[in-house]
Amino acid sequence: MAECVFPADEARPRHDWARAEIAALFEMPLSDLIYLAQTVHRRHFKPNQVQLSTLLSIKTGGCPEDCGYCAQSAHFDSGVKSEKLMPLDAVLAQAARAKANGATRYCMAAAWRNPRDSDLEKVCAMVEGVRRLGLETCATLGMLTAEQSRRLKAAGLDFYNHNIDTSEEYYGKVVTTRTYQDRLDTLANVRNAGIKVCCGGIVGMGEAREDRIGMIHTLATLPAHPESVPINLLARTRGTPLGACERPEVFELVRTIAAARITMPLSMVRLSAGRESLTDEAQALCYLAGANSIFVGNKLLTTANPELNRDRKLFDSLKIEPMPVDE
């Protein structure tokens, strides 16, 4: 089994990870893995701070994609109805509320395969308004062209989220309406426009450990690591093809987070969807494994998220503080 090799200059993270090295991380005794992840984490971040983001669905339902985990796909009868794009004032009111609750980044999500230019202009107005509130901005709108990426950058967009979901080998069992390369092309367009990248995947879609290794390998060998790496636990939704998947043991989620932290040491690793189903003890393990970002608010798009008071109580117990916006 391969061993992990770190660069002498950790200001320049590795981008040449081999799958065997990442597999070796997953095979480590859990205590050793968490120790290694904590060691890496503490070299680059304050160990007891977590960055808070808020996610708002600005256009819900009716998506033409067939992502098997998604309640917003028009292909599935999940009970989620198609809605129009939210008006600007409603989005900004929600952003102001998120800031008052401690969020430093505001993420706007639209259930599109790719935005029309007319819709993109409306999103750009939202980006400009949210920035005026003093929040970092993030959007996830589906696939983007190079020109659309440049337009969002001109509006002041800080981050763009576009997840790869899983390994390239397993991807076809999750999505058939766009390819893995389509996702990588959008990431390249965003990066070339000067927008920071938010990209991660999902644990619990029926994939094998090898697919979780493959997902981390893809992210860790990109020319530039994503600045944010969300690791989601599948929120199983009735009516979706993956809604009946057996949930993996929580330690697989912890190992995936730790592998992300070790291989992408300068990235924010977000414990994202699925927190509602985790115990406080499981969440604490995820923070120990290197997660230092979460979404706050009682809803993530169409699924539940822990109540703000529950997060505050857990943070108080663990002596964790919200990360300031300039960290």
Protein backbone atom coordinates (compact mmCIF):
# COMPACT_ATOMS: atom_id res chain seq x y z
CA MET A 1 0.00 0.00 0.00
CA ALA A 2 1.35 3.42 -0.98
CA GLU A 3 2.29 5.96 1.65
CA CYS A 4 1.43 9.66 1.47
CA VAL A 5 4.26 12.06 0.67
CA PHE A 6 3.97 15.74 1.53
CA PRO A 7 5.89 18.52 -0.24
CA ALA A 8 8.74 20.25 1.58
CA ASP A 9 7.03 23.58 0.89
CA GLU A 10 3.45 23.18 2.08
CA ALA A 11 2.55 26.57 0.64
CA ARG A 12 2.52 24.69 -2.66
CA PRO A 13 0.17 21.72 -2.22
CA ARG A 14 0.62 18.59 -4.31
CA HIS A 15 -1.43 18.06 -7.44
CA ASP A 16 0.08 14.69 -8.37
CA TRP A 17 -1.72 12.42 -5.92
CA ALA A 18 -1.98 8.79 -6.99
CA ARG A 19 -5.16 6.87 -6.30
CA ALA A 20 -3.13 4.35 -4.33
CA GLU A 21 -1.98 7.10 -1.96
CA ILE A 22 -5.54 8.26 -1.37
CA ALA A 23 -6.66 4.65 -0.91
CA ALA A 24 -3.95 4.32 1.75
CA LEU A 25 -5.52 7.21 3.65
CA PHE A 26 -8.90 5.48 3.66
CA GLU A 27 -7.27 2.30 5.00
CA MET A 28 -5.54 3.99 7.95
CA PRO A 29 -6.74 3.34 11.50
CA LEU A 30 -9.29 6.06 12.15
CA SER A 31 -7.36 7.61 15.04
CA ASP A 32 -4.22 7.86 12.89
CA LEU A 33 -6.17 9.34 10.00
CA ILE A 34 -7.80 11.99 12.18
CA TYR A 35 -4.44 12.80 13.76
CA LEU A 36 -2.91 13.32 10.31
CA ALA A 37 -5.88 15.39 9.13
CA GLN A 38 -5.72 17.54 12.28
CA THR A 39 -1.99 18.04 11.82
CA VAL A 40 -2.51 19.29 8.27
CA HIS A 41 -5.53 21.36 9.27
CA ARG A 42 -3.72 23.16 12.09
CA ARG A 43 -0.86 24.16 9.78
CA HIS A 44 -3.22 26.23 7.66
CA PHE A 45 -6.32 27.13 9.69
CA LYS A 46 -7.28 28.10 13.20
CA PRO A 47 -8.40 24.76 14.60
CA ASN A 48 -11.56 25.90 16.36
CA GLN A 49 -13.13 28.13 13.74
CA VAL A 50 -15.80 27.14 11.21
CA GLN A 51 -16.91 29.27 8.26
CA LEU A 52 -20.68 29.79 8.01
CA SER A 53 -22.50 30.00 4.68
CA THR A 54 -26.17 30.19 3.80
CA LEU A 55 -27.71 28.57 0.72
CA LEU A 56 -30.89 29.85 -0.93
CA SER A 57 -32.79 28.26 -3.79
CA ILE A 58 -33.51 31.26 -6.01
CA LYS A 59 -35.17 29.08 -8.68
CA THR A 60 -36.64 25.79 -7.48
CA GLY A 61 -37.71 22.70 -9.43
CA GLY A 62 -38.27 21.83 -13.05
CA CYS A 63 -34.63 21.04 -13.84
CA PRO A 64 -34.20 19.08 -17.10
CA GLU A 65 -31.22 17.15 -15.73
CA ASP A 66 -31.75 13.63 -14.37
CA CYS A 67 -29.35 13.67 -11.40
CA GLY A 68 -30.59 10.65 -9.48
CA TYR A 69 -30.25 12.28 -6.06
CA CYS A 70 -32.10 15.50 -6.83
CA ALA A 71 -35.69 16.27 -5.86
CA GLN A 72 -35.69 19.22 -8.27
CA SER A 73 -35.36 17.11 -11.42
CA ALA A 74 -38.35 17.25 -13.76
CA HIS A 75 -37.76 13.54 -14.45
CA PHE A 76 -38.91 12.41 -10.99
CA ASP A 77 -42.11 12.65 -8.97
CA SER A 78 -40.64 13.98 -5.74
CA GLY A 79 -43.38 16.47 -4.95
CA VAL A 80 -41.20 19.50 -5.70
CA LYS A 81 -42.96 21.91 -8.05
CA SER A 82 -41.29 24.16 -10.59
CA GLU A 83 -41.14 27.79 -9.51
CA LYS A 84 -40.04 31.01 -11.17
CA LEU A 85 -36.83 32.86 -10.37
CA MET A 86 -37.19 34.78 -7.11
CA PRO A 87 -37.41 38.58 -7.33
CA LEU A 88 -34.35 40.61 -6.41
CA ASP A 89 -35.78 42.22 -3.29
CA ALA A 90 -36.77 38.84 -1.81
CA VAL A 91 -33.28 37.44 -2.38
CA LEU A 92 -31.63 40.46 -0.76
CA ALA A 93 -33.99 40.31 2.22
CA GLN A 94 -32.99 36.68 2.78
CA ALA A 95 -29.32 37.63 2.43
CA ALA A 96 -29.63 40.33 5.08
CA ARG A 97 -31.24 37.79 7.41
CA ALA A 98 -28.43 35.31 6.75
CA LYS A 99 -25.82 37.93 7.61
CA ALA A 100 -27.65 38.75 10.85
CA ASN A 101 -27.44 35.04 11.74
CA GLY A 102 -23.67 34.98 11.31
CA ALA A 103 -23.23 33.85 7.70
CA THR A 104 -20.26 35.33 5.85
CA ARG A 105 -21.01 33.76 2.46
CA TYR A 106 -24.31 33.72 0.62
CA CYS A 107 -24.90 31.03 -2.00
CA MET A 108 -27.65 31.29 -4.64
CA ALA A 109 -28.78 28.13 -6.40
CA ALA A 110 -30.99 27.78 -9.47
CA ALA A 111 -32.34 24.49 -10.84
CA TRP A 112 -31.15 24.98 -14.41
CA ARG A 113 -29.13 22.86 -16.82
CA ASN A 114 -27.53 26.14 -17.84
CA PRO A 115 -28.78 29.73 -17.43
CA ARG A 116 -30.25 31.74 -20.26
CA ASP A 117 -28.48 35.05 -20.76
CA SER A 118 -31.60 36.97 -19.69
CA ASP A 119 -31.74 35.02 -16.42
CA LEU A 120 -28.01 35.46 -15.93
CA GLU A 121 -28.43 39.24 -15.93
CA LYS A 122 -30.96 38.92 -13.10
CA VAL A 123 -28.56 36.74 -11.13
CA CYS A 124 -25.80 39.30 -11.71
CA ALA A 125 -28.02 41.94 -10.13
CA MET A 126 -28.46 39.64 -7.13
CA VAL A 127 -24.69 39.15 -6.87
CA GLU A 128 -24.13 42.90 -6.91
CA GLY A 129 -26.78 43.45 -4.25
CA VAL A 130 -25.45 40.74 -1.94
CA ARG A 131 -21.93 42.12 -2.21
CA ARG A 132 -23.21 45.53 -1.16
CA LEU A 133 -24.43 43.86 2.05
CA GLY A 134 -20.84 42.85 2.83
CA LEU A 135 -21.21 39.13 2.16
CA GLU A 136 -19.13 36.86 -0.04
CA THR A 137 -21.15 35.63 -2.99
CA CYS A 138 -21.51 32.15 -4.46
CA ALA A 139 -23.79 30.81 -7.18
CA THR A 140 -24.66 27.42 -8.61
CA LEU A 141 -26.61 27.70 -11.85
CA GLY A 142 -25.62 24.60 -13.81
CA MET A 143 -23.19 24.60 -16.71
CA LEU A 144 -21.58 27.90 -17.77
CA THR A 145 -19.91 29.06 -20.94
CA ALA A 146 -16.67 31.03 -20.82
CA GLU A 147 -18.55 34.26 -21.60
CA GLN A 148 -21.16 33.64 -18.89
CA SER A 149 -18.37 33.00 -16.40
CA ARG A 150 -16.75 36.31 -17.32
CA ARG A 151 -20.09 38.12 -16.91
CA LEU A 152 -20.52 36.72 -13.40
CA LYS A 153 -16.96 37.71 -12.54
CA ALA A 154 -17.68 41.27 -13.73
CA ALA A 155 -20.70 41.36 -11.42
CA GLY A 156 -18.43 40.50 -8.51
CA LEU A 157 -19.14 36.79 -7.99
CA ASP A 158 -16.61 35.34 -5.55
CA PHE A 159 -17.32 31.58 -5.82
CA TYR A 160 -19.05 29.24 -8.23
CA ASN A 161 -20.28 25.82 -7.09
CA HIS A 162 -20.34 22.94 -9.55
CA ASN A 163 -19.91 19.52 -7.95
CA ILE A 164 -18.47 16.47 -9.70
CA ASP A 165 -20.66 14.31 -7.40
CA THR A 166 -18.62 11.08 -7.53
CA SER A 167 -15.90 9.26 -9.45
CA GLU A 168 -15.84 9.36 -13.24
CA GLU A 169 -16.42 5.59 -13.27
CA TYR A 170 -19.61 5.76 -11.19
CA TYR A 171 -20.92 9.01 -12.62
CA GLY A 172 -23.04 7.39 -15.34
CA LYS A 173 -25.07 5.59 -12.66
CA VAL A 174 -25.98 8.97 -11.14
CA VAL A 175 -26.45 11.33 -14.12
CA THR A 176 -27.00 10.69 -17.84
CA THR A 177 -28.00 14.14 -19.15
CA ARG A 178 -24.51 15.61 -18.95
CA THR A 179 -21.06 14.11 -18.88
CA TYR A 180 -18.27 14.21 -16.36
CA GLN A 181 -16.27 16.23 -18.87
CA ASP A 182 -19.13 18.76 -19.07
CA ARG A 183 -18.64 19.38 -15.38
CA LEU A 184 -14.89 19.71 -15.69
CA ASP A 185 -15.33 22.13 -18.61
CA THR A 186 -17.54 24.40 -16.50
CA LEU A 187 -14.96 24.32 -13.70
CA ALA A 188 -12.29 25.37 -16.20
CA ASN A 189 -14.46 28.20 -17.53
CA VAL A 190 -15.08 29.48 -14.02
CA ARG A 191 -11.42 29.23 -13.01
CA ASN A 192 -10.26 30.95 -16.19
CA ALA A 193 -12.64 33.82 -15.50
CA GLY A 194 -10.99 34.40 -12.12
CA ILE A 195 -13.85 33.08 -9.97
CA LYS A 196 -12.99 30.84 -7.03
CA VAL A 197 -14.19 27.26 -7.33
CA CYS A 198 -16.47 25.38 -4.96
CA CYS A 199 -16.54 21.71 -5.95
CA GLY A 200 -17.07 18.48 -4.08
CA GLY A 201 -19.31 15.43 -4.10
CA ILE A 202 -21.79 13.18 -2.37
CA VAL A 203 -21.34 10.18 -0.10
CA GLY A 204 -24.09 7.57 0.09
CA MET A 205 -25.36 7.16 -3.49
CA GLY A 206 -24.65 3.45 -3.59
CA GLU A 207 -21.04 4.04 -4.63
CA ALA A 208 -18.12 1.93 -3.42
CA ARG A 209 -15.19 3.26 -1.41
CA GLU A 210 -13.18 3.19 -4.64
CA ASP A 211 -15.57 5.80 -6.04
CA ARG A 212 -15.07 8.06 -3.03
CA ILE A 213 -11.33 7.66 -3.56
CA GLY A 214 -11.79 8.50 -7.24
CA MET A 215 -13.78 11.62 -6.44
CA ILE A 216 -11.07 12.91 -4.09
CA HIS A 217 -8.43 12.00 -6.65
CA THR A 218 -10.15 14.08 -9.36
CA LEU A 219 -10.39 17.12 -7.09
CA ALA A 220 -6.89 16.81 -5.65
CA THR A 221 -5.27 16.55 -9.09
CA LEU A 222 -7.00 19.55 -10.67
CA PRO A 223 -4.52 22.22 -11.83
CA ALA A 224 -5.76 24.34 -8.90
CA HIS A 225 -7.56 22.85 -5.92
CA PRO A 226 -11.09 24.11 -5.31
CA GLU A 227 -11.07 26.83 -2.68
CA SER A 228 -14.13 25.15 -1.16
CA VAL A 229 -14.78 21.40 -1.13
CA PRO A 230 -18.30 20.46 -0.01
CA ILE A 231 -18.68 16.86 1.15
CA ASN A 232 -22.37 15.96 1.16
CA LEU A 233 -24.11 13.01 2.77
CA LEU A 234 -26.97 12.03 0.48
CA ALA A 235 -30.27 13.48 1.65
CA ARG A 236 -32.45 10.57 0.60
CA THR A 237 -35.58 11.89 -1.09
CA ARG A 238 -38.69 9.89 -1.89
CA GLY A 239 -39.38 9.71 -5.60
CA THR A 240 -35.75 9.95 -6.70
CA PRO A 241 -33.87 6.91 -8.04
CA LEU A 242 -31.28 7.09 -5.26
CA GLY A 243 -33.78 7.78 -2.49
CA ALA A 244 -33.67 4.19 -1.25
CA CYS A 245 -29.89 3.84 -1.15
CA GLU A 246 -28.49 2.25 1.98
CA ARG A 247 -26.72 4.84 4.09
CA PRO A 248 -23.00 4.14 4.60
CA GLU A 249 -21.57 4.10 8.09
CA VAL A 250 -20.69 7.54 9.33
CA PHE A 251 -17.00 6.66 9.46
CA GLU A 252 -16.93 6.58 5.64
CA LEU A 253 -18.09 10.19 5.63
CA VAL A 254 -15.42 11.03 8.21
CA ARG A 255 -12.73 9.28 6.16
CA THR A 256 -13.79 11.15 3.02
CA ILE A 257 -13.58 14.49 4.82
CA ALA A 258 -10.17 13.62 6.24
CA ALA A 259 -8.87 12.59 2.81
CA ALA A 260 -10.10 15.89 1.37
CA ARG A 261 -8.38 17.84 4.14
CA ILE A 262 -5.07 16.01 3.73
CA THR A 263 -4.91 16.14 -0.07
CA MET A 264 -6.24 19.71 -0.38
CA PRO A 265 -4.72 21.38 2.70
CA LEU A 266 -5.53 25.00 1.77
CA SER A 267 -9.17 24.35 0.84
CA MET A 268 -12.19 24.99 3.00
CA VAL A 269 -13.79 21.56 3.51
CA ARG A 270 -17.53 21.93 3.99
CA LEU A 271 -19.65 19.45 5.92
CA SER A 272 -22.59 20.11 3.65
CA ALA A 273 -25.93 18.37 3.01
CA GLY A 274 -27.04 15.58 5.30
CA ARG A 275 -26.08 17.18 8.63
CA GLU A 276 -29.70 16.96 9.78
CA SER A 277 -29.37 13.16 9.95
CA LEU A 278 -26.08 13.21 11.88
CA THR A 279 -25.79 13.09 15.64
CA ASP A 280 -23.83 15.83 17.37
CA GLU A 281 -21.11 13.29 18.06
CA ALA A 282 -20.86 12.40 14.35
CA GLN A 283 -20.64 16.07 13.42
CA ALA A 284 -17.89 16.55 16.01
CA LEU A 285 -15.91 13.73 14.36
CA CYS A 286 -16.28 15.47 11.00
CA TYR A 287 -14.85 18.70 12.46
CA LEU A 288 -11.98 16.71 13.97
CA ALA A 289 -11.35 15.22 10.53
CA GLY A 290 -10.84 18.69 9.06
CA ALA A 291 -14.25 20.07 8.12
CA ASN A 292 -14.24 23.82 8.71
CA SER A 293 -17.29 25.09 6.87
CA ILE A 294 -21.05 24.45 7.05
CA PHE A 295 -24.32 25.81 5.73
CA VAL A 296 -26.50 27.40 8.40
CA GLY A 297 -30.27 27.83 8.17
CA ASN A 298 -33.03 25.28 8.55
CA LYS A 299 -33.26 24.43 4.83
CA LEU A 300 -30.83 23.44 2.08
CA LEU A 301 -32.63 23.91 -1.23
CA THR A 302 -35.47 21.41 -0.68
CA THR A 303 -34.08 19.36 2.22
CA ALA A 304 -33.83 19.94 5.95
CA ASN A 305 -30.79 21.40 7.71
CA PRO A 306 -30.16 21.67 11.46
CA GLU A 307 -31.86 24.55 13.22
CA LEU A 308 -29.57 27.48 13.96
CA ASN A 309 -29.98 27.02 17.71
CA ARG A 310 -28.82 23.40 17.44
CA ASP A 311 -25.67 24.53 15.64
CA ARG A 312 -25.03 27.23 18.22
CA LYS A 313 -25.47 24.76 21.07
CA LEU A 314 -23.06 22.29 19.47
CA PHE A 315 -20.52 25.04 18.77
CA ASP A 316 -20.75 26.13 22.41
CA SER A 317 -20.14 22.55 23.56
CA LEU A 318 -17.15 22.10 21.26
CA LYS A 319 -15.82 25.64 21.85
CA ILE A 320 -16.00 26.37 18.13
CA GLU A 321 -16.35 29.95 16.89
CA PRO A 322 -17.70 31.24 13.57
CA MET A 323 -14.91 32.29 11.22
CA PRO A 324 -14.77 36.03 10.49
CA VAL A 325 -15.33 37.05 6.89
CA ASP A 326 -11.69 38.08 6.39
CA GLU A 327 -10.16 34.77 7.56
